[in-house]
Amino acid sequence: MLCLYTVCVSCSVLSWYPVSCRVLSWYPVSCRVLSWYPVSCRVLSWYPESCRVLSWYPVSCRVLSWYPVSCRVLSWYPVSCRVLSWYPVSCRWSVPMMMSITHRVTGVGLSGGISAFALLALVLPGNYPYYLDLIHSLSIGPALLGLAKLGIAFPVSYHTLNGIRHLFWDSGKGFTIPEVYRSGYVVIALSILTSIAAVAYM
């Protein structure tokens, strides 16, 4: 089937210099770009397999889709995350990917936990020392209590330190692959150390 477009769609193709990505439905190219979540440059058609992405020279149309991007196609570096069909993409797990997901999970967990704590403080009878004495009266073992404290301290420490790492990225620094991995390992190590120190102090 042919793909008819009434407007010109353009996107950013990263191939060491910016070029315009022309969407042509009549030219045979083996790579189809289908997005599972919103991006600013969508290839839309009435039939999923009728749209192909053609650039100025043959590319393998490998797409990085860790986060919403404006249709970035990397033709100069082999990428294991290829969008080829409707099916879920098979990606290799890496430290940056894991830390990006964990940063969002800890952010949602912390915001939800703080909101729930504030709501319970408003609606429950009694004050904070009362509930603290109630927890101590349960005779919870020191190991279990330490794990509970660590479960609270680690998300706070990790999300804070990784947020500082993101601030450095916002300034345009630390984007090379070795720097991304190095800063990730530093954040993980510091998060563990500060969490253990916080549990020992409490």
C-alpha atoms as a PDB file:
ATOM      1  CA  MET A   1       0.000   0.000   0.000  1.00  0.00           C
ATOM      2  CA  LEU A   2       1.070   3.523  -0.616  1.00  0.00           C
ATOM      3  CA  CYS A   3       1.240   6.018   2.184  1.00  0.00           C
ATOM      4  CA  LEU A   4      -0.274   9.411   1.299  1.00  0.00           C
ATOM      5  CA  TYR A   5       0.826  12.425   3.304  1.00  0.00           C
ATOM      6  CA  THR A   6      -0.567  15.933   3.154  1.00  0.00           C
ATOM      7  CA  VAL A   7       2.269  17.502   5.107  1.00  0.00           C
ATOM      8  CA  CYS A   8       6.020  17.052   5.069  1.00  0.00           C
ATOM      9  CA  VAL A   9       7.336  15.214   8.113  1.00  0.00           C
ATOM     10  CA  SER A  10      10.882  15.947   9.199  1.00  0.00           C
ATOM     11  CA  CYS A  11      12.980  14.536  11.980  1.00  0.00           C
ATOM     12  CA  SER A  12      16.552  14.602  13.229  1.00  0.00           C
ATOM     13  CA  VAL A  13      18.840  11.881  11.911  1.00  0.00           C
ATOM     14  CA  LEU A  14      22.064  11.631  13.909  1.00  0.00           C
ATOM     15  CA  SER A  15      24.718  10.522  11.440  1.00  0.00           C
ATOM     16  CA  TRP A  16      27.546  12.816  12.571  1.00  0.00           C
ATOM     17  CA  TYR A  17      25.763  15.775  10.977  1.00  0.00           C
ATOM     18  CA  PRO A  18      22.111  16.771  10.828  1.00  0.00           C
ATOM     19  CA  VAL A  19      20.192  15.737   7.756  1.00  0.00           C
ATOM     20  CA  SER A  20      16.490  15.745   7.037  1.00  0.00           C
ATOM     21  CA  CYS A  21      14.639  12.487   7.270  1.00  0.00           C
ATOM     22  CA  ARG A  22      12.290  12.137   4.332  1.00  0.00           C
ATOM     23  CA  VAL A  23       9.357   9.828   4.751  1.00  0.00           C
ATOM     24  CA  LEU A  24       8.651   8.157   1.416  1.00  0.00           C
ATOM     25  CA  SER A  25       6.168   5.339   1.053  1.00  0.00           C
ATOM     26  CA  TRP A  26       7.054   4.399  -2.482  1.00  0.00           C
ATOM     27  CA  TYR A  27      10.750   3.689  -2.040  1.00  0.00           C
ATOM     28  CA  PRO A  28      11.675   0.169  -0.864  1.00  0.00           C
ATOM     29  CA  VAL A  29      13.605   0.323   2.392  1.00  0.00           C
ATOM     30  CA  SER A  30      13.738  -2.660   4.688  1.00  0.00           C
ATOM     31  CA  CYS A  31      13.676  -0.791   7.977  1.00  0.00           C
ATOM     32  CA  ARG A  32      10.408   0.419   9.464  1.00  0.00           C
ATOM     33  CA  VAL A  33      10.318   2.804  12.395  1.00  0.00           C
ATOM     34  CA  LEU A  34       7.366   2.195  14.691  1.00  0.00           C
ATOM     35  CA  SER A  35       7.209   3.906  18.088  1.00  0.00           C
ATOM     36  CA  TRP A  36       5.632   2.354  21.155  1.00  0.00           C
ATOM     37  CA  TYR A  37       5.267   5.687  22.918  1.00  0.00           C
ATOM     38  CA  PRO A  38       4.830   9.322  21.915  1.00  0.00           C
ATOM     39  CA  VAL A  39       7.702  10.944  20.072  1.00  0.00           C
ATOM     40  CA  SER A  40       7.649  14.290  18.377  1.00  0.00           C
ATOM     41  CA  CYS A  41       8.258  12.812  14.934  1.00  0.00           C
ATOM     42  CA  ARG A  42       5.748  10.053  14.238  1.00  0.00           C
ATOM     43  CA  VAL A  43       5.579   8.005  11.085  1.00  0.00           C
ATOM     44  CA  LEU A  44       1.835   7.618  10.602  1.00  0.00           C
ATOM     45  CA  SER A  45      -0.004   5.560   8.039  1.00  0.00           C
ATOM     46  CA  TRP A  46      -3.144   3.551   7.655  1.00  0.00           C
ATOM     47  CA  TYR A  47      -1.135   0.379   7.374  1.00  0.00           C
ATOM     48  CA  PRO A  48       1.864  -0.159   9.670  1.00  0.00           C
ATOM     49  CA  GLU A  49       4.089  -1.821   7.113  1.00  0.00           C
ATOM     50  CA  SER A  50       3.641   0.661   4.296  1.00  0.00           C
ATOM     51  CA  CYS A  51       5.846   3.469   5.611  1.00  0.00           C
ATOM     52  CA  ARG A  52       9.574   3.421   5.278  1.00  0.00           C
ATOM     53  CA  VAL A  53      12.174   5.936   6.321  1.00  0.00           C
ATOM     54  CA  LEU A  54      14.590   7.020   3.613  1.00  0.00           C
ATOM     55  CA  SER A  55      17.575   9.298   4.222  1.00  0.00           C
ATOM     56  CA  TRP A  56      20.172  10.656   1.794  1.00  0.00           C
ATOM     57  CA  TYR A  57      22.085   7.383   1.857  1.00  0.00           C
ATOM     58  CA  PRO A  58      21.304   3.807   2.905  1.00  0.00           C
ATOM     59  CA  VAL A  59      21.087   3.425   6.646  1.00  0.00           C
ATOM     60  CA  SER A  60      20.076   0.515   8.804  1.00  0.00           C
ATOM     61  CA  CYS A  61      17.525   2.652  10.666  1.00  0.00           C
ATOM     62  CA  ARG A  62      18.539   1.701  14.166  1.00  0.00           C
ATOM     63  CA  VAL A  63      16.564   3.608  16.697  1.00  0.00           C
ATOM     64  CA  LEU A  64      17.453   4.376  20.316  1.00  0.00           C
ATOM     65  CA  SER A  65      14.199   4.564  22.299  1.00  0.00           C
ATOM     66  CA  TRP A  66      15.119   4.675  25.994  1.00  0.00           C
ATOM     67  CA  TYR A  67      13.113   7.885  26.375  1.00  0.00           C
ATOM     68  CA  PRO A  68      10.890  10.057  24.174  1.00  0.00           C
ATOM     69  CA  VAL A  69      13.128  11.538  21.517  1.00  0.00           C
ATOM     70  CA  SER A  70      12.515  13.296  18.228  1.00  0.00           C
ATOM     71  CA  CYS A  71      13.032  10.212  16.057  1.00  0.00           C
ATOM     72  CA  ARG A  72      16.804   9.837  16.400  1.00  0.00           C
ATOM     73  CA  VAL A  73      18.315   7.378  13.945  1.00  0.00           C
ATOM     74  CA  LEU A  74      21.919   6.372  14.599  1.00  0.00           C
ATOM     75  CA  SER A  75      23.574   5.115  11.428  1.00  0.00           C
ATOM     76  CA  TRP A  76      27.170   5.337  12.662  1.00  0.00           C
ATOM     77  CA  TYR A  77      27.109   3.066  15.694  1.00  0.00           C
ATOM     78  CA  PRO A  78      25.740  -0.469  16.100  1.00  0.00           C
ATOM     79  CA  VAL A  79      22.769  -0.385  18.442  1.00  0.00           C
ATOM     80  CA  SER A  80      21.138  -3.465  19.911  1.00  0.00           C
ATOM     81  CA  CYS A  81      17.793  -1.736  20.405  1.00  0.00           C
ATOM     82  CA  ARG A  82      16.159  -1.930  16.984  1.00  0.00           C
ATOM     83  CA  VAL A  83      12.527  -1.068  16.354  1.00  0.00           C
ATOM     84  CA  LEU A  84      11.431  -3.415  13.597  1.00  0.00           C
ATOM     85  CA  SER A  85       7.834  -4.399  14.228  1.00  0.00           C
ATOM     86  CA  TRP A  86       4.862  -4.165  16.574  1.00  0.00           C
ATOM     87  CA  TYR A  87       6.454  -6.571  19.016  1.00  0.00           C
ATOM     88  CA  PRO A  88       8.313  -5.479  22.181  1.00  0.00           C
ATOM     89  CA  VAL A  89      11.874  -4.438  21.488  1.00  0.00           C
ATOM     90  CA  SER A  90      14.652  -6.669  22.769  1.00  0.00           C
ATOM     91  CA  CYS A  91      17.242  -4.440  24.427  1.00  0.00           C
ATOM     92  CA  ARG A  92      20.447  -5.227  26.233  1.00  0.00           C
ATOM     93  CA  TRP A  93      20.377  -4.084  29.825  1.00  0.00           C
ATOM     94  CA  SER A  94      23.068  -1.599  30.770  1.00  0.00           C
ATOM     95  CA  VAL A  95      23.998   0.517  33.773  1.00  0.00           C
ATOM     96  CA  PRO A  96      22.635   3.808  32.302  1.00  0.00           C
ATOM     97  CA  MET A  97      19.350   2.132  31.359  1.00  0.00           C
ATOM     98  CA  MET A  98      18.967   0.551  34.804  1.00  0.00           C
ATOM     99  CA  MET A  99      19.780   3.822  36.569  1.00  0.00           C
ATOM    100  CA  SER A 100      17.359   5.804  34.412  1.00  0.00           C
ATOM    101  CA  ILE A 101      14.509   3.426  35.249  1.00  0.00           C
ATOM    102  CA  THR A 102      15.466   3.271  38.937  1.00  0.00           C
ATOM    103  CA  HIS A 103      15.607   7.060  39.153  1.00  0.00           C
ATOM    104  CA  ARG A 104      12.005   7.297  37.989  1.00  0.00           C
ATOM    105  CA  VAL A 105      10.844   4.445  40.223  1.00  0.00           C
ATOM    106  CA  THR A 106      12.447   5.966  43.324  1.00  0.00           C
ATOM    107  CA  GLY A 107      11.012   9.373  42.428  1.00  0.00           C
ATOM    108  CA  VAL A 108       7.478   7.992  42.173  1.00  0.00           C
ATOM    109  CA  GLY A 109       7.949   5.951  45.351  1.00  0.00           C
ATOM    110  CA  LEU A 110       9.285   8.865  47.364  1.00  0.00           C
ATOM    111  CA  SER A 111       6.592  11.270  46.234  1.00  0.00           C
ATOM    112  CA  GLY A 112       3.892   8.689  46.933  1.00  0.00           C
ATOM    113  CA  GLY A 113       5.364   7.755  50.318  1.00  0.00           C
ATOM    114  CA  ILE A 114       5.719  11.363  51.474  1.00  0.00           C
ATOM    115  CA  SER A 115       2.179  12.144  50.331  1.00  0.00           C
ATOM    116  CA  ALA A 116       0.784   9.090  52.144  1.00  0.00           C
ATOM    117  CA  PHE A 117       2.719   9.964  55.322  1.00  0.00           C
ATOM    118  CA  ALA A 118       1.387  13.524  55.265  1.00  0.00           C
ATOM    119  CA  LEU A 119      -2.177  12.311  54.686  1.00  0.00           C
ATOM    120  CA  LEU A 120      -1.965   9.788  57.528  1.00  0.00           C
ATOM    121  CA  ALA A 121      -0.538  12.459  59.833  1.00  0.00           C
ATOM    122  CA  LEU A 122      -3.654  14.540  59.158  1.00  0.00           C
ATOM    123  CA  VAL A 123      -6.318  11.872  59.573  1.00  0.00           C
ATOM    124  CA  LEU A 124      -4.926   9.474  62.214  1.00  0.00           C
ATOM    125  CA  PRO A 125      -5.383  10.188  65.909  1.00  0.00           C
ATOM    126  CA  GLY A 126      -2.397  10.573  68.174  1.00  0.00           C
ATOM    127  CA  ASN A 127       0.970  12.144  67.532  1.00  0.00           C
ATOM    128  CA  TYR A 128       4.327  11.001  66.161  1.00  0.00           C
ATOM    129  CA  PRO A 129       5.868   9.823  69.511  1.00  0.00           C
ATOM    130  CA  TYR A 130       2.815   7.636  70.106  1.00  0.00           C
ATOM    131  CA  TYR A 131       3.277   5.701  66.859  1.00  0.00           C
ATOM    132  CA  LEU A 132       7.034   5.538  67.358  1.00  0.00           C
ATOM    133  CA  ASP A 133       6.520   3.893  70.751  1.00  0.00           C
ATOM    134  CA  LEU A 134       3.965   1.580  69.121  1.00  0.00           C
ATOM    135  CA  ILE A 135       6.556   0.397  66.590  1.00  0.00           C
ATOM    136  CA  HIS A 136       9.124  -0.167  69.355  1.00  0.00           C
ATOM    137  CA  SER A 137       6.585  -2.190  71.312  1.00  0.00           C
ATOM    138  CA  LEU A 138       6.255  -4.678  68.452  1.00  0.00           C
ATOM    139  CA  SER A 139       9.678  -6.115  69.374  1.00  0.00           C
ATOM    140  CA  ILE A 140      10.951  -6.117  65.815  1.00  0.00           C
ATOM    141  CA  GLY A 141      14.408  -7.660  65.526  1.00  0.00           C
ATOM    142  CA  PRO A 142      17.378  -5.384  64.823  1.00  0.00           C
ATOM    143  CA  ALA A 143      18.061  -7.033  61.447  1.00  0.00           C
ATOM    144  CA  LEU A 144      14.523  -6.449  60.184  1.00  0.00           C
ATOM    145  CA  LEU A 145      14.506  -2.933  61.582  1.00  0.00           C
ATOM    146  CA  GLY A 146      17.838  -2.211  59.896  1.00  0.00           C
ATOM    147  CA  LEU A 147      16.508  -3.455  56.554  1.00  0.00           C
ATOM    148  CA  ALA A 148      13.444  -1.247  56.922  1.00  0.00           C
ATOM    149  CA  LYS A 149      15.638   1.767  57.632  1.00  0.00           C
ATOM    150  CA  LEU A 150      17.842   0.906  54.659  1.00  0.00           C
ATOM    151  CA  GLY A 151      14.753   0.623  52.458  1.00  0.00           C
ATOM    152  CA  ILE A 152      13.868   4.181  53.394  1.00  0.00           C
ATOM    153  CA  ALA A 153      17.370   5.654  53.300  1.00  0.00           C
ATOM    154  CA  PHE A 154      18.588   4.180  49.997  1.00  0.00           C
ATOM    155  CA  PRO A 155      15.858   5.608  47.705  1.00  0.00           C
ATOM    156  CA  VAL A 156      16.343   9.064  49.227  1.00  0.00           C
ATOM    157  CA  SER A 157      20.124   8.912  48.866  1.00  0.00           C
ATOM    158  CA  TYR A 158      20.065   7.406  45.362  1.00  0.00           C
ATOM    159  CA  HIS A 159      17.456   9.774  43.962  1.00  0.00           C
ATOM    160  CA  THR A 160      19.258  12.803  45.403  1.00  0.00           C
ATOM    161  CA  LEU A 161      22.707  11.845  44.097  1.00  0.00           C
ATOM    162  CA  ASN A 162      21.416  10.761  40.701  1.00  0.00           C
ATOM    163  CA  GLY A 163      19.482  14.018  40.494  1.00  0.00           C
ATOM    164  CA  ILE A 164      22.754  15.909  40.967  1.00  0.00           C
ATOM    165  CA  ARG A 165      24.170  13.778  38.139  1.00  0.00           C
ATOM    166  CA  HIS A 166      21.266  14.862  35.935  1.00  0.00           C
ATOM    167  CA  LEU A 167      21.975  18.499  36.792  1.00  0.00           C
ATOM    168  CA  PHE A 168      25.505  18.066  35.427  1.00  0.00           C
ATOM    169  CA  TRP A 169      23.983  16.656  32.261  1.00  0.00           C
ATOM    170  CA  ASP A 170      21.725  19.695  32.013  1.00  0.00           C
ATOM    171  CA  SER A 171      24.857  21.845  31.950  1.00  0.00           C
ATOM    172  CA  GLY A 172      26.098  19.878  28.921  1.00  0.00           C
ATOM    173  CA  LYS A 173      28.785  17.867  30.714  1.00  0.00           C
ATOM    174  CA  GLY A 174      29.403  14.141  31.094  1.00  0.00           C
ATOM    175  CA  PHE A 175      27.678  12.877  27.949  1.00  0.00           C
ATOM    176  CA  THR A 176      30.424  10.599  26.619  1.00  0.00           C
ATOM    177  CA  ILE A 177      29.901   6.865  27.123  1.00  0.00           C
ATOM    178  CA  PRO A 178      32.837   6.409  29.559  1.00  0.00           C
ATOM    179  CA  GLU A 179      31.724   9.439  31.588  1.00  0.00           C
ATOM    180  CA  VAL A 180      28.145   8.174  31.766  1.00  0.00           C
ATOM    181  CA  TYR A 181      29.286   4.800  33.116  1.00  0.00           C
ATOM    182  CA  ARG A 182      31.849   6.354  35.476  1.00  0.00           C
ATOM    183  CA  SER A 183      29.350   8.780  36.991  1.00  0.00           C
ATOM    184  CA  GLY A 184      26.805   5.961  37.299  1.00  0.00           C
ATOM    185  CA  TYR A 185      29.180   3.775  39.290  1.00  0.00           C
ATOM    186  CA  VAL A 186      30.072   6.736  41.521  1.00  0.00           C
ATOM    187  CA  VAL A 187      26.395   7.427  42.224  1.00  0.00           C
ATOM    188  CA  ILE A 188      25.724   3.773  43.075  1.00  0.00           C
ATOM    189  CA  ALA A 189      28.722   3.547  45.410  1.00  0.00           C
ATOM    190  CA  LEU A 190      27.944   6.814  47.184  1.00  0.00           C
ATOM    191  CA  SER A 191      24.275   5.846  47.537  1.00  0.00           C
ATOM    192  CA  ILE A 192      25.178   2.596  49.269  1.00  0.00           C
ATOM    193  CA  LEU A 193      27.722   4.246  51.574  1.00  0.00           C
ATOM    194  CA  THR A 194      25.482   7.156  52.573  1.00  0.00           C
ATOM    195  CA  SER A 195      22.535   4.816  53.137  1.00  0.00           C
ATOM    196  CA  ILE A 196      24.576   2.584  55.447  1.00  0.00           C
ATOM    197  CA  ALA A 197      25.861   5.665  57.285  1.00  0.00           C
ATOM    198  CA  ALA A 198      22.305   6.984  57.699  1.00  0.00           C
ATOM    199  CA  VAL A 199      21.085   3.614  59.074  1.00  0.00           C
ATOM    200  CA  ALA A 200      24.008   3.474  61.506  1.00  0.00           C
ATOM    201  CA  TYR A 201      23.280   7.023  62.670  1.00  0.00           C
ATOM    202  CA  MET A 202      19.565   6.336  63.176  1.00  0.00           C
END
